[in-house]
Structure formats: C-alpha cells, structure tokens
N, C-alpha and C. Protein backbone atom coordinates (compact mmCIF):
# COMPACT_ATOMS: atom_id res chain seq x y z
N MET A 1 -21.71 8.66 11.65
CA MET A 1 -21.47 8.83 10.16
C MET A 1 -20.68 7.42 9.93
N ARG A 2 -20.80 6.87 8.62
CA ARG A 2 -20.10 5.59 8.17
C ARG A 2 -19.30 6.42 7.00
N VAL A 3 -17.72 5.72 6.99
CA VAL A 3 -17.02 6.34 6.02
C VAL A 3 -16.01 5.29 5.26
N THR A 4 -16.07 5.36 4.34
CA THR A 4 -15.26 4.53 3.12
C THR A 4 -14.32 4.91 2.95
N VAL A 5 -13.08 3.72 3.36
CA VAL A 5 -11.62 4.25 2.82
C VAL A 5 -11.45 3.35 1.69
N ASP A 6 -10.41 3.92 0.67
CA ASP A 6 -10.62 3.14 -0.70
C ASP A 6 -8.98 3.27 -0.70
N VAL A 7 -8.49 2.11 -0.26
CA VAL A 7 -6.86 2.01 -0.65
C VAL A 7 -6.83 1.56 -2.02
N LYS A 8 -6.38 2.29 -2.71
CA LYS A 8 -6.09 2.33 -4.06
C LYS A 8 -5.39 0.82 -4.40
N GLY A 9 -5.81 0.22 -5.31
CA GLY A 9 -5.11 -1.21 -5.62
C GLY A 9 -5.22 -2.45 -4.66
N GLU A 10 -5.99 -2.35 -3.51
CA GLU A 10 -6.02 -3.16 -2.32
C GLU A 10 -7.35 -3.40 -1.66
N GLY A 11 -8.17 -2.59 -1.97
CA GLY A 11 -9.54 -2.72 -1.37
C GLY A 11 -10.17 -1.45 -0.66
N THR A 12 -11.43 -1.91 -0.35
CA THR A 12 -12.22 -0.77 0.33
C THR A 12 -12.47 -1.52 1.70
N HIS A 13 -12.64 -0.49 2.82
CA HIS A 13 -12.95 -0.22 3.89
C HIS A 13 -13.85 0.48 4.53
N GLU A 14 -14.96 0.03 4.98
CA GLU A 14 -16.04 0.76 5.69
C GLU A 14 -16.07 0.64 6.92
N PHE A 15 -16.27 2.13 7.85
CA PHE A 15 -16.19 2.26 9.34
C PHE A 15 -17.14 3.24 9.92
N ALA A 16 -17.82 2.71 11.10
CA ALA A 16 -18.74 3.74 11.67
C ALA A 16 -17.52 4.48 12.76
N LEU A 17 -17.79 5.86 12.32
CA LEU A 17 -16.78 6.88 12.79
C LEU A 17 -16.62 6.66 14.28
N GLU A 18 -17.92 6.80 14.54
CA GLU A 18 -17.91 6.51 16.33
C GLU A 18 -17.37 5.22 16.72
N ASP A 19 -16.98 4.12 16.05
CA ASP A 19 -16.31 3.05 16.76
C ASP A 19 -14.74 3.17 16.45
N VAL A 20 -14.36 4.22 15.76
CA VAL A 20 -12.76 3.90 15.55
C VAL A 20 -12.23 4.76 16.93
N PRO A 21 -11.55 3.98 17.50
CA PRO A 21 -10.64 4.51 18.56
C PRO A 21 -9.60 5.62 18.27
N THR A 22 -9.32 6.50 18.78
CA THR A 22 -8.60 7.73 18.92
C THR A 22 -7.36 8.07 19.53
N ASN A 23 -6.40 8.47 19.08
CA ASN A 23 -4.88 8.69 19.86
C ASN A 23 -4.95 9.98 20.41
N SER A 24 -6.02 10.27 20.88
CA SER A 24 -6.08 11.92 21.32
C SER A 24 -6.22 12.09 22.91
N ASP A 25 -5.11 11.11 23.51
CA ASP A 25 -4.79 11.57 25.01
C ASP A 25 -6.31 11.63 25.87
N GLY A 26 -6.97 10.84 25.69
CA GLY A 26 -8.71 11.03 26.39
C GLY A 26 -9.16 12.32 26.60
N ALA A 27 -9.03 13.07 25.38
CA ALA A 27 -10.05 13.98 24.97
C ALA A 27 -11.81 13.63 25.06
N VAL A 28 -12.75 14.29 25.91
CA VAL A 28 -13.51 13.53 25.67
C VAL A 28 -14.31 13.52 24.18
N ASP A 29 -14.27 14.87 23.65
CA ASP A 29 -15.04 15.04 22.38
C ASP A 29 -14.29 15.15 21.24
N SER A 30 -13.04 14.38 21.49
CA SER A 30 -12.38 14.15 20.02
C SER A 30 -12.76 13.28 19.22
N LYS A 31 -12.63 13.63 17.87
CA LYS A 31 -13.02 13.09 16.71
C LYS A 31 -11.84 12.32 16.32
N PRO A 32 -12.18 11.22 15.46
CA PRO A 32 -10.76 10.48 15.19
C PRO A 32 -10.54 11.13 13.98
N THR A 33 -9.10 10.85 13.72
CA THR A 33 -8.44 11.58 12.66
C THR A 33 -8.39 10.96 11.37
N TYR A 34 -7.51 11.22 10.41
CA TYR A 34 -7.17 10.62 9.22
C TYR A 34 -6.28 9.48 9.62
N ALA A 35 -5.28 9.90 10.43
CA ALA A 35 -4.30 8.92 11.07
C ALA A 35 -5.21 7.71 11.63
N ASP A 36 -6.27 8.00 12.43
CA ASP A 36 -6.79 7.00 13.31
C ASP A 36 -7.23 5.92 12.09
N LEU A 37 -8.05 6.38 11.10
CA LEU A 37 -8.72 5.60 10.06
C LEU A 37 -7.41 5.06 9.45
N LEU A 38 -5.97 5.44 9.27
CA LEU A 38 -5.37 4.43 8.51
C LEU A 38 -5.08 3.44 9.55
N ALA A 39 -4.67 3.71 10.70
CA ALA A 39 -4.11 2.48 11.74
C ALA A 39 -5.24 1.32 11.99
N GLU A 40 -6.87 1.81 11.51
CA GLU A 40 -7.27 0.73 11.45
C GLU A 40 -7.76 -0.28 10.19
N VAL A 41 -6.42 -0.05 9.21
CA VAL A 41 -6.67 -0.39 8.24
C VAL A 41 -4.85 -0.93 7.87
N ASP A 42 -4.16 -0.74 8.97
CA ASP A 42 -2.65 -1.20 9.27
C ASP A 42 -1.99 -0.60 8.43
N LEU A 43 -1.81 0.55 8.18
CA LEU A 43 -1.03 1.60 7.73
C LEU A 43 -0.50 2.66 8.31
N SER A 44 0.78 3.27 7.70
CA SER A 44 1.20 4.14 8.52
C SER A 44 1.15 5.53 7.75
N PRO A 45 1.06 6.72 8.33
CA PRO A 45 0.92 7.54 7.53
C PRO A 45 2.24 8.22 6.89
N HIS A 46 3.18 7.47 7.30
CA HIS A 46 4.42 7.44 6.74
C HIS A 46 4.64 7.12 5.00
N GLU A 47 3.76 5.88 4.75
CA GLU A 47 3.76 5.52 3.61
C GLU A 47 2.62 5.78 2.79
N VAL A 48 1.67 6.27 3.22
CA VAL A 48 0.86 6.71 1.84
C VAL A 48 0.24 8.64 2.17
N SER A 49 -0.37 8.66 1.49
CA SER A 49 -1.12 9.95 1.16
C SER A 49 -2.66 9.68 1.29
N VAL A 50 -3.38 10.76 2.04
CA VAL A 50 -4.46 10.65 2.46
C VAL A 50 -5.24 11.52 1.24
N LEU A 51 -6.34 11.39 0.29
CA LEU A 51 -6.86 12.17 -0.26
C LEU A 51 -8.76 12.34 -0.32
N VAL A 52 -8.93 13.69 -0.03
CA VAL A 52 -10.56 13.72 -0.23
C VAL A 52 -10.74 14.91 -1.13
N ASP A 53 -11.54 14.09 -1.85
CA ASP A 53 -11.87 15.09 -3.18
C ASP A 53 -10.67 15.32 -4.34
N GLY A 54 -9.76 14.18 -4.14
CA GLY A 54 -8.36 14.43 -4.95
C GLY A 54 -7.57 15.62 -4.63
N ARG A 55 -7.56 15.75 -3.30
CA ARG A 55 -6.78 16.87 -2.49
C ARG A 55 -6.03 16.06 -1.54
N PRO A 56 -4.99 16.26 -1.26
CA PRO A 56 -4.17 15.64 0.38
C PRO A 56 -4.75 16.36 1.51
N VAL A 57 -4.96 15.75 2.43
CA VAL A 57 -5.04 16.27 3.74
C VAL A 57 -4.35 15.77 4.72
N PRO A 58 -3.93 16.96 5.78
CA PRO A 58 -3.00 16.34 6.84
C PRO A 58 -3.84 15.05 7.35
N GLU A 59 -2.80 14.12 8.08
CA GLU A 59 -3.47 12.79 8.72
C GLU A 59 -3.80 13.18 9.78
N ASP A 60 -3.31 14.60 10.55
CA ASP A 60 -3.67 14.70 12.38
C ASP A 60 -5.03 15.58 12.39
N GLN A 61 -5.93 15.75 10.98
CA GLN A 61 -6.87 16.42 11.13
C GLN A 61 -8.11 15.61 11.31
N PRO A 62 -9.00 16.09 11.94
CA PRO A 62 -10.23 15.19 12.34
C PRO A 62 -11.02 14.64 11.15
N VAL A 63 -11.60 13.55 10.97
CA VAL A 63 -12.59 13.34 9.39
C VAL A 63 -13.75 14.00 9.35
N ASP A 64 -13.79 14.70 8.55
CA ASP A 64 -15.01 15.16 7.96
C ASP A 64 -15.56 15.24 6.68
N THR A 65 -15.71 13.68 6.30
CA THR A 65 -16.14 13.38 5.08
C THR A 65 -16.50 11.83 5.28
N GLU A 66 -17.28 11.41 4.12
CA GLU A 66 -17.42 10.12 4.35
C GLU A 66 -16.97 9.14 3.39
N HIS A 67 -15.99 9.50 2.56
CA HIS A 67 -15.28 9.00 1.52
C HIS A 67 -13.83 9.39 1.63
N ILE A 68 -12.88 8.68 1.67
CA ILE A 68 -11.37 9.22 1.66
C ILE A 68 -10.84 7.92 0.74
N THR A 69 -9.35 8.45 0.16
CA THR A 69 -8.59 7.68 -1.15
C THR A 69 -7.70 7.54 -0.48
N VAL A 70 -6.77 6.45 -0.29
CA VAL A 70 -5.51 6.42 0.07
C VAL A 70 -4.63 5.76 -1.10
N LEU A 71 -3.91 6.45 -1.15
CA LEU A 71 -2.49 5.97 -2.34
C LEU A 71 -1.17 5.64 -1.46
N ARG A 72 -0.65 4.52 -1.63
CA ARG A 72 0.54 4.10 -1.26
C ARG A 72 1.71 4.66 -1.85
N LEU A 73 2.50 5.42 -1.29
CA LEU A 73 3.71 5.66 -1.86
C LEU A 73 5.27 5.02 -2.12
N ILE A 74 5.09 3.64 -1.04
CA ILE A 74 6.03 2.72 -0.85
C ILE A 74 5.45 1.43 -0.99
N LYS A 75 5.86 0.57 -1.83
CA LYS A 75 5.26 -0.75 -1.73
C LYS A 75 6.85 -1.49 -2.09
N GLY A 76 6.98 -2.22 -1.40
CA GLY A 76 8.07 -3.48 -1.38
C GLY A 76 7.80 -4.13 -2.49
N GLY A 77 8.93 -5.15 -2.91
CA GLY A 77 8.40 -6.36 -3.74
C GLY A 77 9.69 -7.06 -4.44
C-alpha cells in the first residue's frame, strides 16, 4: 500500500508502506506505525499531531490508511 504523508506547510511525501522500517523489536508480521512514518520524514511524535480524516491518531498504532496529515505543534524561529 502507498501512503501519502502531508506535512502541512512543508510538503508531501509518499511511501510504499512495506518499505518503511519499523521499530518493533523484530516482530515478523509487524506493520509500520505512524511514528515509523514520522521518522521517515525526520519528525518526532513530540512535535507533531498525526491526523486521519481530521481526527488525531496515536503514533504507536499501525498505519491503516493511505493518507495522513501531520501538523507541527512547535516551530522555532
């Protein structure tokens, strides 16, 4: 499955979900989580909210959608 990660105000990234590395202690059938996708775009779960269909989702849940929106909560300047 292909997943589009829309980081609001910063761009859009596309990933093949099966190519995203996981942090799941080597479990064979583990699916990437939203936190794994955030790592692919160099963002920390502590600085963003992940939204699916406009609703926040926990970063430790497996990805089960083709489009996510990421909102930065903190931005230096």
